[in-house]
C-alpha atoms as a PDB file:
ATOM      1  CA  MET A   1     178.484   4.178 120.744  1.00  0.00           C
ATOM      2  CA  LYS A   2     179.667   7.115 122.849  1.00  0.00           C
ATOM      3  CA  ASN A   3     176.724   9.237 121.610  1.00  0.00           C
ATOM      4  CA  LEU A   4     174.310   6.473 122.579  1.00  0.00           C
ATOM      5  CA  THR A   5     175.765   6.351 126.092  1.00  0.00           C
ATOM      6  CA  ILE A   6     175.484  10.116 126.476  1.00  0.00           C
ATOM      7  CA  LEU A   7     171.916  10.062 125.168  1.00  0.00           C
ATOM      8  CA  SER A   8     170.955   7.240 127.520  1.00  0.00           C
ATOM      9  CA  THR A   9     172.440   9.103 130.464  1.00  0.00           C
ATOM     10  CA  LEU A  10     170.536  12.266 129.548  1.00  0.00           C
ATOM     11  CA  VAL A  11     167.258  10.378 129.256  1.00  0.00           C
ATOM     12  CA  ILE A  12     167.753   8.810 132.677  1.00  0.00           C
ATOM     13  CA  LEU A  13     168.653  12.160 134.264  1.00  0.00           C
ATOM     14  CA  MET A  14     165.657  13.894 132.681  1.00  0.00           C
ATOM     15  CA  SER A  15     163.317  11.183 133.954  1.00  0.00           C
ATOM     16  CA  PHE A  16     164.356  12.065 137.511  1.00  0.00           C
ATOM     17  CA  LEU A  17     163.375  15.684 136.903  1.00  0.00           C
ATOM     18  CA  VAL A  18     159.787  14.833 135.974  1.00  0.00           C
ATOM     19  CA  MET A  19     159.194  12.141 138.606  1.00  0.00           C
ATOM     20  CA  PRO A  20     156.995  13.247 141.512  1.00  0.00           C
ATOM     21  CA  THR A  21     158.832  13.240 144.792  1.00  0.00           C
ATOM     22  CA  THR A  22     157.611  11.561 147.919  1.00  0.00           C
ATOM     23  CA  SER A  23     158.403  14.642 149.944  1.00  0.00           C
ATOM     24  CA  SER A  24     156.041  16.853 147.938  1.00  0.00           C
ATOM     25  CA  ALA A  25     153.231  14.316 148.305  1.00  0.00           C
ATOM     26  CA  SER A  26     153.806  13.962 152.024  1.00  0.00           C
ATOM     27  CA  THR A  27     154.034  17.752 152.362  1.00  0.00           C
ATOM     28  CA  THR A  28     150.638  18.073 150.670  1.00  0.00           C
ATOM     29  CA  ARG A  29     149.150  15.520 153.063  1.00  0.00           C
ATOM     30  CA  ALA A  30     150.698  17.262 156.057  1.00  0.00           C
ATOM     31  CA  LYS A  31     149.272  20.632 154.988  1.00  0.00           C
ATOM     32  CA  ALA A  32     145.822  19.120 154.410  1.00  0.00           C
ATOM     33  CA  ARG A  33     145.941  17.418 157.822  1.00  0.00           C
ATOM     34  CA  HIS A  34     146.939  20.698 159.458  1.00  0.00           C
ATOM     35  CA  LYS A  35     143.969  22.477 157.821  1.00  0.00           C
ATOM     36  CA  ALA A  36     141.644  19.720 159.070  1.00  0.00           C
ATOM     37  CA  ILE A  37     143.014  20.103 162.608  1.00  0.00           C
ATOM     38  CA  VAL A  38     142.742  23.906 162.540  1.00  0.00           C
ATOM     39  CA  ALA A  39     139.126  23.647 161.338  1.00  0.00           C
ATOM     40  CA  CYS A  40     138.223  21.885 164.596  1.00  0.00           C
ATOM     41  CA  GLU A  41     140.009  24.271 166.958  1.00  0.00           C
ATOM     42  CA  GLY A  42     137.538  25.398 169.618  1.00  0.00           C
ATOM     43  CA  LYS A  43     135.022  22.767 168.478  1.00  0.00           C
ATOM     44  CA  ASN A  44     133.835  19.488 169.961  1.00  0.00           C
ATOM     45  CA  ALA A  45     133.671  15.996 168.498  1.00  0.00           C
ATOM     46  CA  GLY A  46     130.570  15.790 166.321  1.00  0.00           C
ATOM     47  CA  ASP A  47     130.545  19.495 165.356  1.00  0.00           C
ATOM     48  CA  THR A  48     130.297  20.258 161.635  1.00  0.00           C
ATOM     49  CA  VAL A  49     132.915  22.433 159.950  1.00  0.00           C
ATOM     50  CA  GLU A  50     134.075  23.519 156.508  1.00  0.00           C
ATOM     51  CA  PHE A  51     137.697  22.987 155.559  1.00  0.00           C
ATOM     52  CA  ILE A  52     140.004  22.724 152.546  1.00  0.00           C
ATOM     53  CA  ASN A  53     140.889  19.125 151.647  1.00  0.00           C
ATOM     54  CA  LYS A  54     144.109  17.821 150.068  1.00  0.00           C
ATOM     55  CA  TRP A  55     142.701  18.541 146.598  1.00  0.00           C
ATOM     56  CA  ASN A  56     142.269  22.186 147.603  1.00  0.00           C
ATOM     57  CA  LYS A  57     138.459  21.900 147.589  1.00  0.00           C
ATOM     58  CA  ARG A  58     136.180  23.326 150.291  1.00  0.00           C
ATOM     59  CA  VAL A  59     134.272  20.448 151.898  1.00  0.00           C
ATOM     60  CA  MET A  60     131.921  19.894 154.813  1.00  0.00           C
ATOM     61  CA  GLY A  61     133.229  17.721 157.595  1.00  0.00           C
ATOM     62  CA  ILE A  62     132.642  16.499 161.100  1.00  0.00           C
ATOM     63  CA  CYS A  63     135.154  16.870 163.906  1.00  0.00           C
ATOM     64  CA  ARG A  64     136.283  13.480 165.198  1.00  0.00           C
ATOM     65  CA  VAL A  65     138.942  12.334 167.597  1.00  0.00           C
ATOM     66  CA  GLU A  66     141.646  10.332 165.832  1.00  0.00           C
ATOM     67  CA  ASN A  67     144.756   9.248 167.714  1.00  0.00           C
ATOM     68  CA  GLY A  68     143.901  11.680 170.492  1.00  0.00           C
ATOM     69  CA  GLN A  69     143.628  14.631 168.076  1.00  0.00           C
ATOM     70  CA  LEU A  70     140.437  16.453 167.100  1.00  0.00           C
ATOM     71  CA  ILE A  71     140.403  16.574 163.289  1.00  0.00           C
ATOM     72  CA  ALA A  72     137.834  17.339 160.585  1.00  0.00           C
ATOM     73  CA  VAL A  73     136.835  14.362 158.460  1.00  0.00           C
ATOM     74  CA  ALA A  74     134.914  14.918 155.231  1.00  0.00           C
ATOM     75  CA  VAL A  75     131.251  13.946 155.429  1.00  0.00           C
ATOM     76  CA  GLY A  76     130.750  10.515 153.882  1.00  0.00           C
ATOM     77  CA  LYS A  77     134.175   9.177 154.935  1.00  0.00           C
END
């Protein structure tokens, strides 16, 4: 019974090691948003730009104002 308890505890602890964390996902989004903002620096709303999206792919986008911030939005979104 003691071995089963130890094994169960180990399985639970190991599952926490492989679970994705919210902070890494939100960090990825924050970095992608920053790249989209930087792509529009010195541009105007409606200008086309290239930028790296959250999947680390180069995409074409259009600068738009969202929440008072000029940010690149992928074409087709």
